[in-house]
Amino acid sequence: MYEFTEDFKLRQITKYGLDGVDEREDLVVIPPSSRAGPCGSNCLFCYLRQNPPEMIYRVSFHDTLNDRELEKRIAYVSEHYPELWIRITDTAGNVGLDEERIKSLSRAGLDEMQISVHTTKKEKRIALMRSPLAGRLIDLLPLVAKTFRVIADIILTPGYNVDDIGEIIRDLASMEVAEVRLFPVGVTRYNKNVRPLTREELVFVKETAVEAGDETGIKVVIPPVFRALLGELRLDFGPFEVEPAIPTYILTGELAYPELRRIFPRIPVVMVKNEFFGGNIGTAGLLTGRDVLRTVEGLPEVDLGLILLPELMFYGDKTLDGYTRDELISRILVGKGYMVESALEPAEIPKVLEKVGAI
């Protein structure tokens, strides 16, 4: 999989897509430009509107389609890399989309659109996205799906699209949408508008969605975060029977904790509770420096040990609450005596242990 950057350079990134979903190898994703205009929505579940005030990573309320240069960027890839499959993401289709725009994007060479659809019920979509424009996409979807391959993202939000998920998927299939991806709503302690799904609701959605997919032929994707919330996340490797020669701890978020314990039965795995965001936020990529330091305080002091952190918690050289990598490492080393290393994915951990001489 490839990501298309604004300076028209291509760089290979992880085989797994932005949603943690296994993607085709020839995929190029054209992300939103920094010049893209506002999304025109005020979604109840929007992560940008429920972030802690101390969070340093700021993103504007944008929509990929609200970008006058989008066709030019698509055409560049289509001309110079004709072997690649071109997708755009980060759009709700509420702005910058009509019949003429669909034709324009097609002429530029676009292959696929990943759209935040959420529901096929116009009134509920308008209420969920708090935008009077949100109903128009439902009328346009059949034409969009006829022109491009369409992936419909659904943020599962109680009261809006959970109880009727089977009907929504059947509607999308009738519109010839190719794929549906289901994401349980993420709720921080700053969101007072929605609640997380219960386990019963998660089970209902999974069973109903799979049944609707089998019935209609539409591809239904249950991403890793969904499976983790159900306790069903399983990685296709491990367990690793490595046993470090020095005190070693693997720190991770709540969702990955059970699976990492299975993969590394001889290394203590420590769950870091995300108090910075709160709510049901438990992914390793949203861990913060303060939550890691609070957790490390509970570990024993050592002459020399090793702590392994998820690389995904670092955005550039900082955590989401502003700790630099060096600052975090030095505080852990001085305070408790542990070296600090990071791994992008669990399979890399044995290599990291070998590199630092821990095994």
Protein backbone atom coordinates (compact mmCIF):
# COMPACT_ATOMS: atom_id res chain seq x y z
CA MET A 1 0.00 0.00 0.00
CA TYR A 2 1.20 3.51 -0.73
CA GLU A 3 0.27 6.96 0.51
CA PHE A 4 0.29 9.89 -1.88
CA THR A 5 1.79 12.99 -0.27
CA GLU A 6 1.18 16.58 -1.28
CA ASP A 7 4.57 17.02 -2.96
CA PHE A 8 3.66 14.17 -5.31
CA LYS A 9 6.11 11.71 -3.82
CA LEU A 10 5.11 8.16 -3.07
CA ARG A 11 6.29 6.35 0.02
CA GLN A 12 5.53 2.79 0.98
CA ILE A 13 3.90 2.36 4.36
CA THR A 14 2.54 -0.60 6.28
CA LYS A 15 0.73 -3.37 4.46
CA TYR A 16 -2.23 -2.68 6.69
CA GLY A 17 -4.36 0.32 5.83
CA LEU A 18 -5.29 3.38 7.81
CA ASP A 19 -8.16 1.44 9.41
CA GLY A 20 -6.00 -1.56 10.33
CA VAL A 21 -7.61 -3.45 7.44
CA ASP A 22 -5.57 -5.61 5.08
CA GLU A 23 -5.38 -3.64 1.82
CA ARG A 24 -4.47 -4.39 -1.77
CA GLU A 25 -0.76 -3.98 -2.52
CA ASP A 26 -1.22 -1.55 -5.44
CA LEU A 27 -3.31 0.93 -3.47
CA VAL A 28 -2.42 4.63 -3.42
CA VAL A 29 -4.37 6.80 -0.98
CA ILE A 30 -4.64 10.50 -1.75
CA PRO A 31 -5.09 12.15 1.66
CA PRO A 32 -6.73 15.51 2.28
CA SER A 33 -4.70 18.51 1.23
CA SER A 34 -3.83 21.13 3.83
CA ARG A 35 -5.75 23.46 1.55
CA ALA A 36 -8.96 21.43 1.66
CA GLY A 37 -11.94 23.44 2.84
CA PRO A 38 -14.26 22.64 5.77
CA CYS A 39 -16.35 19.50 5.93
CA GLY A 40 -19.64 21.34 6.51
CA SER A 41 -20.66 18.93 9.27
CA ASN A 42 -20.76 18.90 13.06
CA CYS A 43 -20.90 15.14 13.69
CA LEU A 44 -21.93 13.95 17.13
CA PHE A 45 -19.07 11.43 17.15
CA CYS A 46 -16.38 13.69 15.66
CA TYR A 47 -13.05 12.92 17.34
CA LEU A 48 -11.84 16.48 16.73
CA ARG A 49 -14.66 17.86 18.88
CA GLN A 50 -14.01 15.55 21.83
CA ASN A 51 -10.25 15.84 22.23
CA PRO A 52 -8.69 17.01 25.50
CA PRO A 53 -7.76 20.72 25.48
CA GLU A 54 -4.13 19.78 26.27
CA MET A 55 -3.75 17.73 23.11
CA ILE A 56 -1.03 19.20 20.88
CA TYR A 57 -2.01 17.53 17.59
CA ARG A 58 -4.53 19.78 15.85
CA VAL A 59 -6.38 19.00 12.63
CA SER A 60 -8.75 21.30 10.79
CA PHE A 61 -12.32 20.34 10.00
CA HIS A 62 -11.74 19.45 6.37
CA ASP A 63 -13.14 17.30 3.59
CA THR A 64 -11.04 15.81 0.80
CA LEU A 65 -13.66 16.74 -1.80
CA ASN A 66 -13.49 20.37 -0.68
CA ASP A 67 -10.17 20.77 -2.46
CA ARG A 68 -9.87 22.57 -5.79
CA GLU A 69 -6.61 20.79 -6.55
CA LEU A 70 -7.94 17.26 -5.98
CA GLU A 71 -8.44 16.36 -9.65
CA LYS A 72 -4.96 17.64 -10.48
CA ARG A 73 -3.44 15.42 -7.78
CA ILE A 74 -5.42 12.38 -8.95
CA ALA A 75 -4.46 13.00 -12.58
CA TYR A 76 -0.77 13.23 -11.65
CA VAL A 77 -0.84 9.78 -10.05
CA SER A 78 -2.93 8.32 -12.86
CA GLU A 79 -0.47 9.58 -15.47
CA HIS A 80 2.79 8.73 -13.72
CA TYR A 81 1.74 5.57 -11.89
CA PRO A 82 -0.93 3.97 -14.08
CA GLU A 83 -0.42 0.59 -12.41
CA LEU A 84 -1.70 1.89 -9.04
CA TRP A 85 -5.27 1.81 -7.74
CA ILE A 86 -6.30 5.33 -6.67
CA ARG A 87 -8.52 5.96 -3.65
CA ILE A 88 -9.63 9.09 -1.84
CA THR A 89 -10.67 9.01 1.82
CA ASP A 90 -11.74 11.46 4.54
CA THR A 91 -14.92 12.59 2.87
CA ALA A 92 -18.54 12.51 3.92
CA GLY A 93 -19.76 13.61 0.50
CA ASN A 94 -21.70 16.51 2.03
CA VAL A 95 -19.70 19.21 0.23
CA GLY A 96 -18.09 19.32 -3.18
CA LEU A 97 -20.06 16.40 -4.62
CA ASP A 98 -22.66 16.46 -7.38
CA GLU A 99 -23.11 14.80 -10.77
CA GLU A 100 -20.61 17.08 -12.49
CA ARG A 101 -17.99 16.49 -9.78
CA ILE A 102 -18.44 12.74 -10.13
CA LYS A 103 -17.69 13.04 -13.85
CA SER A 104 -14.70 15.29 -13.14
CA LEU A 105 -13.18 12.84 -10.67
CA SER A 106 -13.73 9.98 -13.10
CA ARG A 107 -11.97 11.85 -15.91
CA ALA A 108 -9.04 12.50 -13.59
CA GLY A 109 -8.60 8.75 -13.07
CA LEU A 110 -10.08 8.04 -9.64
CA ASP A 111 -10.81 4.35 -8.99
CA GLU A 112 -12.30 4.26 -5.50
CA MET A 113 -13.96 6.45 -2.86
CA GLN A 114 -14.05 5.68 0.85
CA ILE A 115 -17.01 7.67 2.17
CA SER A 116 -18.25 8.28 5.71
CA VAL A 117 -21.82 7.16 5.04
CA HIS A 118 -22.97 6.01 8.52
CA THR A 119 -26.60 5.42 7.54
CA THR A 120 -28.86 5.34 4.50
CA LYS A 121 -31.71 7.06 6.38
CA LYS A 122 -31.64 10.73 5.38
CA GLU A 123 -33.23 12.13 8.53
CA LYS A 124 -30.92 10.16 10.80
CA ARG A 125 -27.86 11.09 8.76
CA ILE A 126 -28.78 14.76 8.99
CA ALA A 127 -29.27 14.46 12.77
CA LEU A 128 -26.10 12.41 13.30
CA MET A 129 -23.90 14.73 11.24
CA ARG A 130 -25.81 17.86 12.28
CA SER A 131 -25.74 19.15 8.72
CA PRO A 132 -28.71 20.01 6.46
CA LEU A 133 -26.55 18.86 3.54
CA ALA A 134 -26.15 15.30 4.81
CA GLY A 135 -29.21 13.88 3.07
CA ARG A 136 -27.99 14.56 -0.46
CA LEU A 137 -25.36 11.85 -0.48
CA ILE A 138 -27.98 9.11 -0.23
CA ASP A 139 -29.47 10.21 -3.56
CA LEU A 140 -26.03 10.42 -5.16
CA LEU A 141 -24.69 7.09 -3.87
CA PRO A 142 -26.04 4.90 -6.71
CA LEU A 143 -24.29 7.09 -9.30
CA VAL A 144 -21.10 7.26 -7.23
CA ALA A 145 -21.09 3.47 -6.86
CA LYS A 146 -21.72 3.02 -10.58
CA THR A 147 -18.73 5.26 -11.38
CA PHE A 148 -16.23 4.18 -8.70
CA ARG A 149 -15.73 1.32 -6.30
CA VAL A 150 -17.22 2.61 -3.03
CA ILE A 151 -16.26 1.74 0.53
CA ALA A 152 -18.89 2.90 3.01
CA ASP A 153 -17.59 3.65 6.49
CA ILE A 154 -20.12 3.38 9.30
CA ILE A 155 -19.36 4.82 12.72
CA LEU A 156 -21.70 2.74 14.84
CA THR A 157 -23.57 5.19 17.06
CA PRO A 158 -26.38 4.06 19.39
CA GLY A 159 -29.70 5.64 18.48
CA TYR A 160 -28.69 6.32 14.87
CA ASN A 161 -27.49 3.19 13.06
CA VAL A 162 -27.10 0.27 15.45
CA ASP A 163 -30.61 -1.19 15.63
CA ASP A 164 -31.17 -1.01 11.85
CA ILE A 165 -27.67 -1.99 10.71
CA GLY A 166 -28.98 -4.93 8.68
CA GLU A 167 -31.36 -2.70 6.73
CA ILE A 168 -28.61 -0.13 6.16
CA ILE A 169 -26.28 -2.76 4.70
CA ARG A 170 -29.02 -4.10 2.45
CA ASP A 171 -29.72 -0.56 1.25
CA LEU A 172 -26.05 -0.04 0.45
CA ALA A 173 -25.91 -3.34 -1.42
CA SER A 174 -28.94 -2.31 -3.50
CA MET A 175 -27.05 0.88 -4.41
CA GLU A 176 -24.13 -1.32 -5.57
CA VAL A 177 -21.75 -0.15 -2.86
CA ALA A 178 -18.91 -2.69 -2.86
CA GLU A 179 -17.77 -2.71 0.76
CA VAL A 180 -18.86 -1.68 4.25
CA ARG A 181 -16.48 -1.08 7.17
CA LEU A 182 -17.92 -0.99 10.67
CA PHE A 183 -16.31 1.08 13.42
CA PRO A 184 -17.67 1.29 16.99
CA VAL A 185 -17.90 4.93 18.01
CA GLY A 186 -14.97 6.20 20.04
CA VAL A 187 -16.09 8.21 23.05
CA THR A 188 -13.75 10.25 25.24
CA ARG A 189 -14.70 11.76 28.57
CA TYR A 190 -15.29 15.04 26.75
CA ASN A 191 -18.18 13.73 24.64
CA LYS A 192 -21.60 14.18 26.22
CA ASN A 193 -23.60 13.45 23.06
CA VAL A 194 -23.11 9.73 22.49
CA ARG A 195 -22.24 6.63 24.48
CA PRO A 196 -20.10 3.60 23.62
CA LEU A 197 -21.74 0.42 22.37
CA THR A 198 -22.48 -2.30 24.89
CA ARG A 199 -21.09 -5.77 24.33
CA GLU A 200 -24.60 -6.95 23.45
CA GLU A 201 -24.85 -4.27 20.77
CA LEU A 202 -21.44 -5.20 19.38
CA VAL A 203 -22.44 -8.84 19.12
CA PHE A 204 -25.77 -7.90 17.51
CA VAL A 205 -24.10 -5.66 14.92
CA LYS A 206 -21.48 -8.24 14.01
CA GLU A 207 -23.95 -11.10 13.60
CA THR A 208 -26.51 -8.99 11.75
CA ALA A 209 -23.94 -7.36 9.45
CA VAL A 210 -22.29 -10.65 8.50
CA GLU A 211 -25.69 -12.16 7.76
CA ALA A 212 -26.66 -9.17 5.59
CA GLY A 213 -23.34 -9.37 3.78
CA ASP A 214 -23.76 -13.08 3.06
CA GLU A 215 -27.29 -12.45 1.86
CA THR A 216 -26.47 -9.57 -0.51
CA GLY A 217 -22.87 -10.19 -1.52
CA ILE A 218 -21.58 -6.85 -0.25
CA LYS A 219 -18.21 -7.13 1.49
CA VAL A 220 -18.55 -6.52 5.24
CA VAL A 221 -15.33 -5.70 7.10
CA ILE A 222 -15.05 -6.03 10.88
CA PRO A 223 -11.85 -4.06 11.67
CA PRO A 224 -9.38 -5.05 14.42
CA VAL A 225 -10.67 -2.42 16.88
CA PHE A 226 -14.14 -3.99 16.66
CA ARG A 227 -12.76 -7.47 17.26
CA ALA A 228 -10.62 -6.20 20.13
CA LEU A 229 -13.66 -4.74 21.89
CA LEU A 230 -15.24 -8.19 21.67
CA GLY A 231 -12.08 -9.86 22.93
CA GLU A 232 -11.70 -11.65 19.58
CA LEU A 233 -8.55 -9.99 18.25
CA ARG A 234 -6.04 -12.61 17.07
CA LEU A 235 -2.80 -11.89 15.25
CA ASP A 236 -1.52 -14.48 12.81
CA PHE A 237 1.81 -15.08 14.57
CA GLY A 238 3.18 -16.09 17.94
CA PRO A 239 3.44 -17.04 20.64
CA PHE A 240 7.09 -16.07 21.04
CA GLU A 241 8.82 -18.00 23.81
CA VAL A 242 11.54 -15.39 24.30
CA GLU A 243 12.64 -14.69 27.87
CA PRO A 244 14.79 -11.56 28.34
CA ALA A 245 17.89 -11.68 30.51
CA ILE A 246 17.04 -8.35 32.14
CA PRO A 247 13.75 -7.10 33.67
CA THR A 248 11.54 -6.28 30.69
CA TYR A 249 8.01 -4.96 30.37
CA ILE A 250 5.82 -4.45 27.31
CA LEU A 251 3.43 -1.51 27.72
CA THR A 252 0.30 -1.31 25.59
CA GLY A 253 -3.28 -0.09 25.50
CA GLU A 254 -6.33 -1.88 26.86
CA LEU A 255 -7.47 -3.30 23.53
CA ALA A 256 -4.21 -5.04 22.57
CA TYR A 257 -3.40 -6.19 26.10
CA PRO A 258 -5.02 -9.67 26.02
CA GLU A 259 -3.47 -10.58 22.67
CA LEU A 260 0.01 -9.38 23.62
CA ARG A 261 -0.16 -11.51 26.75
CA ARG A 262 -0.86 -14.51 24.53
CA ILE A 263 1.93 -13.66 22.10
CA PHE A 264 4.57 -13.03 24.79
CA PRO A 265 3.84 -15.49 27.61
CA ARG A 266 7.33 -15.08 29.16
CA ILE A 267 7.42 -11.26 29.20
CA PRO A 268 5.25 -9.20 31.56
CA VAL A 269 2.74 -7.15 29.57
CA VAL A 270 1.43 -4.05 31.34
CA MET A 271 -1.86 -2.42 30.39
CA VAL A 272 -1.81 1.38 30.28
CA LYS A 273 -5.20 2.87 31.05
CA ASN A 274 -5.85 5.93 28.92
CA GLU A 275 -6.91 8.58 31.39
CA PHE A 276 -5.88 11.42 29.08
CA PHE A 277 -8.80 10.69 26.73
CA GLY A 278 -10.92 8.55 29.04
CA GLY A 279 -14.13 6.92 27.85
CA ASN A 280 -13.67 3.79 25.76
CA ILE A 281 -10.37 4.87 24.17
CA GLY A 282 -7.97 1.94 24.47
CA THR A 283 -5.81 1.80 21.35
CA ALA A 284 -2.03 1.79 21.68
CA GLY A 285 -1.69 4.59 19.15
CA LEU A 286 -3.49 7.02 21.48
CA LEU A 287 -1.37 6.43 24.55
CA THR A 288 0.17 9.55 26.05
CA GLY A 289 3.33 10.38 27.92
CA ARG A 290 1.58 11.14 31.18
CA ASP A 291 -0.32 7.85 31.17
CA VAL A 292 2.87 5.91 30.43
CA LEU A 293 4.79 7.71 33.21
CA ARG A 294 1.96 7.08 35.67
CA THR A 295 2.04 3.38 34.80
CA VAL A 296 5.83 3.15 35.02
CA GLU A 297 5.64 4.56 38.57
CA GLY A 298 4.08 1.25 39.59
CA LEU A 299 7.00 -0.82 38.26
CA PRO A 300 9.94 -1.80 40.48
CA GLU A 301 13.19 0.15 40.31
CA VAL A 302 16.03 -1.79 38.66
CA ASP A 303 19.73 -1.37 37.98
CA LEU A 304 19.07 -1.95 34.29
CA GLY A 305 15.87 -3.02 32.61
CA LEU A 306 13.91 -2.50 29.41
CA ILE A 307 10.51 -1.01 28.65
CA LEU A 308 8.97 -1.51 25.23
CA LEU A 309 6.50 1.12 24.01
CA PRO A 310 4.26 1.12 20.90
CA GLU A 311 5.87 3.28 18.23
CA LEU A 312 2.40 4.41 17.15
CA MET A 313 2.07 6.58 20.26
CA PHE A 314 4.68 8.96 18.84
CA TYR A 315 3.56 11.54 16.28
CA GLY A 316 6.79 12.70 14.78
CA ASP A 317 8.90 13.00 17.90
CA LYS A 318 6.13 13.76 20.39
CA THR A 319 3.25 12.10 22.18
CA LEU A 320 -0.23 13.59 21.90
CA ASP A 321 0.19 15.38 25.21
CA GLY A 322 3.48 17.00 24.23
CA TYR A 323 6.22 14.77 25.68
CA THR A 324 9.19 14.42 23.36
CA ARG A 325 10.61 10.96 22.86
CA ASP A 326 13.90 11.92 24.52
CA GLU A 327 12.13 13.51 27.49
CA LEU A 328 10.02 10.41 28.07
CA ILE A 329 13.01 8.07 27.74
CA SER A 330 15.20 10.09 30.11
CA ARG A 331 12.52 10.37 32.79
CA ILE A 332 11.93 6.61 32.75
CA LEU A 333 15.66 5.80 32.76
CA VAL A 334 16.53 8.24 35.55
CA GLY A 335 13.46 7.51 37.63
CA LYS A 336 13.33 3.73 37.39
CA GLY A 337 16.45 2.48 35.63
CA TYR A 338 14.84 1.21 32.42
CA MET A 339 16.07 1.65 28.87
CA VAL A 340 13.21 2.47 26.50
CA GLU A 341 12.68 1.08 23.02
CA SER A 342 9.66 1.09 20.72
CA ALA A 343 8.22 -1.31 18.16
CA LEU A 344 5.87 -0.52 15.30
CA GLU A 345 4.12 -3.87 15.61
CA PRO A 346 4.34 -6.85 17.99
CA ALA A 347 6.26 -9.04 15.53
CA GLU A 348 9.19 -6.61 15.77
CA ILE A 349 9.63 -7.03 19.54
CA PRO A 350 11.96 -10.09 19.42
CA LYS A 351 14.23 -8.19 16.99
CA VAL A 352 14.28 -5.18 19.31
CA LEU A 353 15.19 -7.43 22.26
CA GLU A 354 18.02 -8.94 20.27
CA LYS A 355 19.26 -5.51 19.11
CA VAL A 356 19.65 -4.19 22.65
CA GLY A 357 21.18 -7.43 23.93
CA ALA A 358 18.25 -8.36 26.17
CA ILE A 359 18.19 -11.93 24.83
